[in-house]
């Protein structure tokens, strides 16, 4: 079983930056080794959408077009953490941000991720 805990959300003005983090833990004696980690977000009244993903071993990154060039995903495999640095935030980035772990290569599909965190709220004021 994998447990994911997000942190770092909050309120930021438009044009500002915020960093959200996700820490993964597994049962004692087990190794956390997903194929990759992803960040998704869900705004009120909307479906959960893909934001970014990173392969755990190679560190290859994937981004939604809406965040490309503004957001950066990174991972520390020694600490079992994955971060999302968000720059040039705008009102449309307001959402609950979730990290998730996958053992599948379908980075963009929520159904490929069996493990999810509880989410952290990011609010961008205009």
Protein backbone atom coordinates (compact mmCIF):
# COMPACT_ATOMS: atom_id res chain seq x y z
CA UNK A 1 0.00 0.00 0.00
CA UNK A 2 1.24 3.49 -0.90
CA UNK A 3 0.33 6.61 1.03
CA UNK A 4 0.74 10.06 -0.53
CA UNK A 5 0.57 13.33 1.36
CA UNK A 6 0.58 16.72 -0.35
CA UNK A 7 1.65 19.99 1.21
CA UNK A 8 2.44 23.54 0.21
CA UNK A 9 -0.84 24.79 -1.17
CA UNK A 10 -2.21 28.20 -0.30
CA UNK A 11 -3.27 31.60 -1.54
CA UNK A 12 -1.14 33.52 -4.03
CA UNK A 13 -1.64 36.57 -6.18
CA UNK A 14 -1.84 36.30 -9.93
CA UNK A 15 1.62 36.28 -11.44
CA UNK A 16 3.11 34.77 -8.32
CA UNK A 17 4.68 31.40 -7.60
CA UNK A 18 3.93 28.46 -5.37
CA UNK A 19 5.51 25.08 -4.78
CA UNK A 20 3.52 22.03 -3.79
CA UNK A 21 5.12 18.84 -2.57
CA UNK A 22 4.12 15.23 -2.22
CA UNK A 23 5.68 12.69 0.12
CA UNK A 24 5.20 8.99 -0.46
CA UNK A 25 5.40 6.28 2.13
CA UNK A 26 5.10 2.51 1.95
CA UNK A 27 4.89 -0.28 4.45
CA UNK A 28 8.02 -1.09 6.39
CA UNK A 29 10.41 -3.27 4.44
CA UNK A 30 8.96 -2.31 1.06
CA UNK A 31 10.48 -0.08 -1.58
CA UNK A 32 8.59 2.72 -3.24
CA UNK A 33 9.20 2.21 -6.95
CA UNK A 34 6.34 3.42 -9.13
CA UNK A 35 6.72 3.81 -12.85
CA UNK A 36 5.96 7.46 -12.38
CA UNK A 37 4.28 10.20 -10.37
CA UNK A 38 1.75 12.69 -11.56
CA UNK A 39 0.07 15.89 -10.51
CA UNK A 40 -3.56 16.48 -11.30
CA UNK A 41 -5.94 19.28 -10.39
CA UNK A 42 -9.65 19.71 -10.01
CA UNK A 43 -11.46 23.01 -10.02
CA UNK A 44 -15.03 23.37 -8.69
CA UNK A 45 -17.54 21.93 -11.12
CA UNK A 46 -14.87 20.52 -13.40
CA UNK A 47 -13.34 17.11 -13.97
CA UNK A 48 -9.95 16.23 -12.58
CA UNK A 49 -7.32 17.04 -15.18
CA UNK A 50 -3.72 16.09 -15.84
CA UNK A 51 -1.09 18.71 -15.00
CA UNK A 52 2.32 17.06 -15.08
CA UNK A 53 4.05 13.72 -14.64
CA UNK A 54 7.56 12.40 -14.18
CA UNK A 55 9.01 8.96 -14.69
CA UNK A 56 10.51 7.71 -11.45
CA UNK A 57 13.71 6.17 -12.77
CA UNK A 58 14.70 8.35 -15.72
CA UNK A 59 13.10 11.59 -14.61
CA UNK A 60 11.42 12.20 -17.96
CA UNK A 61 8.75 14.87 -17.65
CA UNK A 62 5.37 15.44 -19.27
CA UNK A 63 3.15 18.52 -19.07
CA UNK A 64 -0.31 19.64 -20.01
CA UNK A 65 -0.22 22.36 -22.64
CA UNK A 66 -1.90 24.78 -20.23
CA UNK A 67 1.06 24.69 -17.81
CA UNK A 68 3.99 24.05 -20.14
CA UNK A 69 6.69 26.64 -19.59
CA UNK A 70 5.22 27.75 -16.26
CA UNK A 71 5.23 24.61 -14.11
CA UNK A 72 8.13 22.28 -13.36
CA UNK A 73 7.82 18.81 -11.88
CA UNK A 74 10.75 17.19 -10.11
CA UNK A 75 11.37 14.19 -7.95
CA UNK A 76 13.80 13.04 -5.30
CA UNK A 77 13.81 9.27 -5.44
CA UNK A 78 15.99 9.03 -2.31
CA UNK A 79 13.39 10.92 -0.26
CA UNK A 80 10.34 9.58 -2.11
CA UNK A 81 9.10 13.06 -2.85
CA UNK A 82 7.79 14.84 -5.93
CA UNK A 83 7.39 18.58 -6.23
CA UNK A 84 5.54 20.90 -8.55
CA UNK A 85 6.96 24.38 -8.91
CA UNK A 86 4.29 26.71 -10.28
CA UNK A 87 5.22 30.09 -11.71
CA UNK A 88 3.24 32.84 -13.42
CA UNK A 89 0.07 31.61 -11.78
CA UNK A 90 -3.28 32.85 -13.00
CA UNK A 91 -6.86 32.52 -11.84
CA UNK A 92 -7.42 29.48 -14.06
CA UNK A 93 -4.83 27.59 -12.00
CA UNK A 94 -7.07 27.72 -8.94
CA UNK A 95 -7.92 24.13 -7.97
CA UNK A 96 -7.25 21.33 -5.57
CA UNK A 97 -3.96 19.75 -6.60
CA UNK A 98 -3.48 16.01 -6.19
CA UNK A 99 -0.40 13.90 -6.53
CA UNK A 100 -0.72 10.31 -7.64
CA UNK A 101 1.45 7.27 -8.28
CA UNK A 102 1.23 5.03 -11.30
CA UNK A 103 2.68 1.72 -12.42
CA UNK A 104 1.49 2.44 -15.95
CA UNK A 105 2.76 4.61 -18.79
CA UNK A 106 -0.58 6.30 -19.47
CA UNK A 107 0.56 9.50 -17.85
CA UNK A 108 -2.45 11.59 -18.76
CA UNK A 109 -5.16 9.19 -17.64
CA UNK A 110 -6.47 9.41 -14.07
CA UNK A 111 -7.50 5.75 -14.30
CA UNK A 112 -3.84 4.76 -14.63
CA UNK A 113 -3.12 6.00 -11.09
CA UNK A 114 -4.24 3.67 -8.27
CA UNK A 115 -2.76 5.78 -5.47
CA UNK A 116 -3.79 9.35 -4.67
CA UNK A 117 -3.12 11.94 -2.04
CA UNK A 118 -5.84 13.89 -0.27
CA UNK A 119 -5.16 17.06 -2.26
CA UNK A 120 -3.99 20.55 -1.42
CA UNK A 121 -5.86 23.74 -2.29
CA UNK A 122 -4.20 26.33 -4.51
CA UNK A 123 -6.04 29.62 -4.86
CA UNK A 124 -4.86 32.37 -7.19
CA UNK A 125 -6.34 35.78 -6.53
CA UNK A 126 -6.74 38.16 -9.43
